[in-house]
Protein backbone atom coordinates (compact mmCIF):
# COMPACT_ATOMS: atom_id res chain seq x y z
CA UNK A 1 -9.41 0.99 -0.17
CA UNK A 2 -11.50 -2.30 1.70
CA UNK A 3 -12.21 -1.30 5.35
CA UNK A 4 -13.94 0.30 7.87
CA UNK A 5 -11.96 3.54 8.02
CA UNK A 6 -11.41 6.15 6.10
CA UNK A 7 -8.31 7.14 4.22
CA UNK A 8 -7.38 9.40 5.96
CA UNK A 9 -7.23 7.46 9.60
CA UNK A 10 -4.16 5.59 7.98
CA UNK A 11 -2.46 8.23 6.75
CA UNK A 12 -2.89 9.70 10.48
CA UNK A 13 -1.05 6.24 11.70
CA UNK A 14 1.63 7.36 10.47
CA UNK A 15 2.12 10.54 13.72
CA UNK A 16 2.77 7.58 15.91
CA UNK A 17 3.92 4.63 13.24
CA UNK A 18 5.91 5.86 10.23
CA UNK A 19 5.35 1.83 8.83
CA UNK A 20 1.79 2.78 8.91
CA UNK A 21 1.37 4.61 6.61
CA UNK A 22 1.68 1.79 3.21
CA UNK A 23 1.42 3.30 -0.54
CA UNK A 24 -1.91 2.38 -0.36
CA UNK A 25 -3.31 4.86 1.86
CA UNK A 26 -1.67 7.27 -0.64
CA UNK A 27 -3.23 5.95 -3.58
CA UNK A 28 -6.80 6.15 -1.70
CA UNK A 29 -6.08 10.30 -0.30
CA UNK A 30 -5.87 10.14 -4.04
CA UNK A 31 -8.46 8.75 -5.95
CA UNK A 32 -10.09 10.32 -2.94
CA UNK A 33 -8.42 13.60 -3.73
CA UNK A 34 -9.75 13.64 -7.52
CA UNK A 35 -13.69 12.14 -6.04
CA UNK A 36 -12.53 8.95 -8.68
CA UNK A 37 -13.41 5.62 -8.51
CA UNK A 38 -10.18 4.00 -10.69
CA UNK A 39 -7.73 6.11 -13.22
CA UNK A 40 -6.76 5.18 -15.63
CA UNK A 41 -3.03 5.49 -17.11
CA UNK A 42 -0.72 4.14 -18.45
CA UNK A 43 1.64 2.79 -16.20
CA UNK A 44 4.96 4.84 -16.50
CA UNK A 45 6.85 3.38 -12.64
CA UNK A 46 7.84 -0.55 -11.52
CA UNK A 47 7.87 -1.73 -8.31
CA UNK A 48 9.67 -4.97 -6.97
CA UNK A 49 6.94 -5.89 -4.90
CA UNK A 50 7.10 -8.49 -1.41
CA UNK A 51 6.01 -11.55 -3.09
CA UNK A 52 5.66 -10.25 -6.95
CA UNK A 53 7.49 -10.21 -9.16
CA UNK A 54 8.23 -14.00 -8.78
CA UNK A 55 11.01 -16.55 -9.62
CA UNK A 56 14.47 -15.46 -11.26
CA UNK A 57 13.30 -14.31 -14.36
CA UNK A 58 10.59 -12.67 -13.78
CA UNK A 59 12.35 -10.20 -11.46
CA UNK A 60 15.58 -9.72 -13.87
CA UNK A 61 12.41 -9.05 -16.56
CA UNK A 62 11.12 -6.03 -14.26
CA UNK A 63 14.51 -4.76 -13.38
CA UNK A 64 15.28 -5.16 -17.15
CA UNK A 65 12.91 -2.14 -17.10
CA UNK A 66 14.18 0.24 -15.95
CA UNK A 67 15.93 0.72 -19.30
CA UNK A 68 12.45 1.52 -20.69
CA UNK A 69 12.61 5.63 -21.44
CA UNK A 70 8.48 4.85 -20.22
CA UNK A 71 9.26 3.99 -16.71
CA UNK A 72 10.85 7.14 -13.63
CA UNK A 73 10.39 5.61 -10.62
CA UNK A 74 11.40 2.26 -9.57
CA UNK A 75 11.61 1.00 -6.31
CA UNK A 76 11.84 -1.95 -4.00
CA UNK A 77 8.94 -3.51 -1.23
CA UNK A 78 10.61 -2.86 1.61
CA UNK A 79 10.71 -6.35 2.35
CA UNK A 80 11.90 -7.51 -1.13
CA UNK A 81 14.93 -6.64 -0.41
CA UNK A 82 16.30 -8.94 1.71
CA UNK A 83 15.27 -12.15 -0.15
CA UNK A 84 16.90 -11.18 -3.95
CA UNK A 85 19.56 -13.25 -4.19
CA UNK A 86 23.25 -12.63 -5.64
CA UNK A 87 22.88 -12.16 -9.55
CA UNK A 88 19.28 -10.43 -8.87
CA UNK A 89 20.47 -7.97 -6.63
CA UNK A 90 23.57 -7.75 -8.63
CA UNK A 91 21.20 -7.44 -11.99
CA UNK A 92 19.90 -4.49 -9.66
CA UNK A 93 22.92 -2.62 -8.66
CA UNK A 94 24.54 -2.49 -11.50
CA UNK A 95 20.66 -0.25 -13.47
CA UNK A 96 22.69 1.96 -10.21
CA UNK A 97 25.30 2.28 -11.45
CA UNK A 98 24.82 3.02 -14.48
CA UNK A 99 22.23 5.62 -14.00
CA UNK A 100 24.62 6.81 -11.47
CA UNK A 101 23.22 6.02 -8.36
CA UNK A 102 25.10 4.80 -6.94
CA UNK A 103 29.93 4.70 -7.72
CA UNK A 104 29.90 1.05 -7.58
CA UNK A 105 28.27 -2.40 -7.79
CA UNK A 106 28.89 -3.25 -3.74
CA UNK A 107 27.73 -0.13 -2.22
CA UNK A 108 24.65 -1.03 -4.72
CA UNK A 109 23.99 -4.99 -2.98
CA UNK A 110 24.76 -2.96 0.37
CA UNK A 111 22.90 -1.36 0.56
CA UNK A 112 20.27 -3.51 -1.10
CA UNK A 113 21.28 -5.90 2.22
CA UNK A 114 21.37 -2.84 5.01
CA UNK A 115 19.98 -0.08 3.91
CA UNK A 116 22.61 3.31 4.31
CA UNK A 117 25.10 3.46 7.20
CA UNK A 118 26.68 5.45 9.00
CA UNK A 119 28.61 8.33 6.46
CA UNK A 120 27.67 5.67 3.01
CA UNK A 121 27.19 8.67 -0.18
CA UNK A 122 25.34 8.21 -3.17
CA UNK A 123 27.38 8.53 -6.69
CA UNK A 124 27.77 12.80 -6.29
């Protein structure tokens, strides 16, 4: 982390504003805990960041990685969900349905656009 503050400063901000804790503060905590400057490991996760990957074909390729057995975690940045177009959202929701996370593609798309609503239930 490139800051005048130590990593625990950023984590402690979460008590005042939960949105102030970013994944980068948590990464910094892991590096501090293990006393490492770098950690090399096979990547077993995919993230659709806010602005990366770029272009529909790349977004679709990243979503398609959910089929890879090595991928254990898939995430969508909180600002990215609303920027996915209908085809990208549908493709992602289809993957979620095939994993049993949602009972329908429509529920998955609704979650991307609006988050969890009152009384909303994931697939059982």
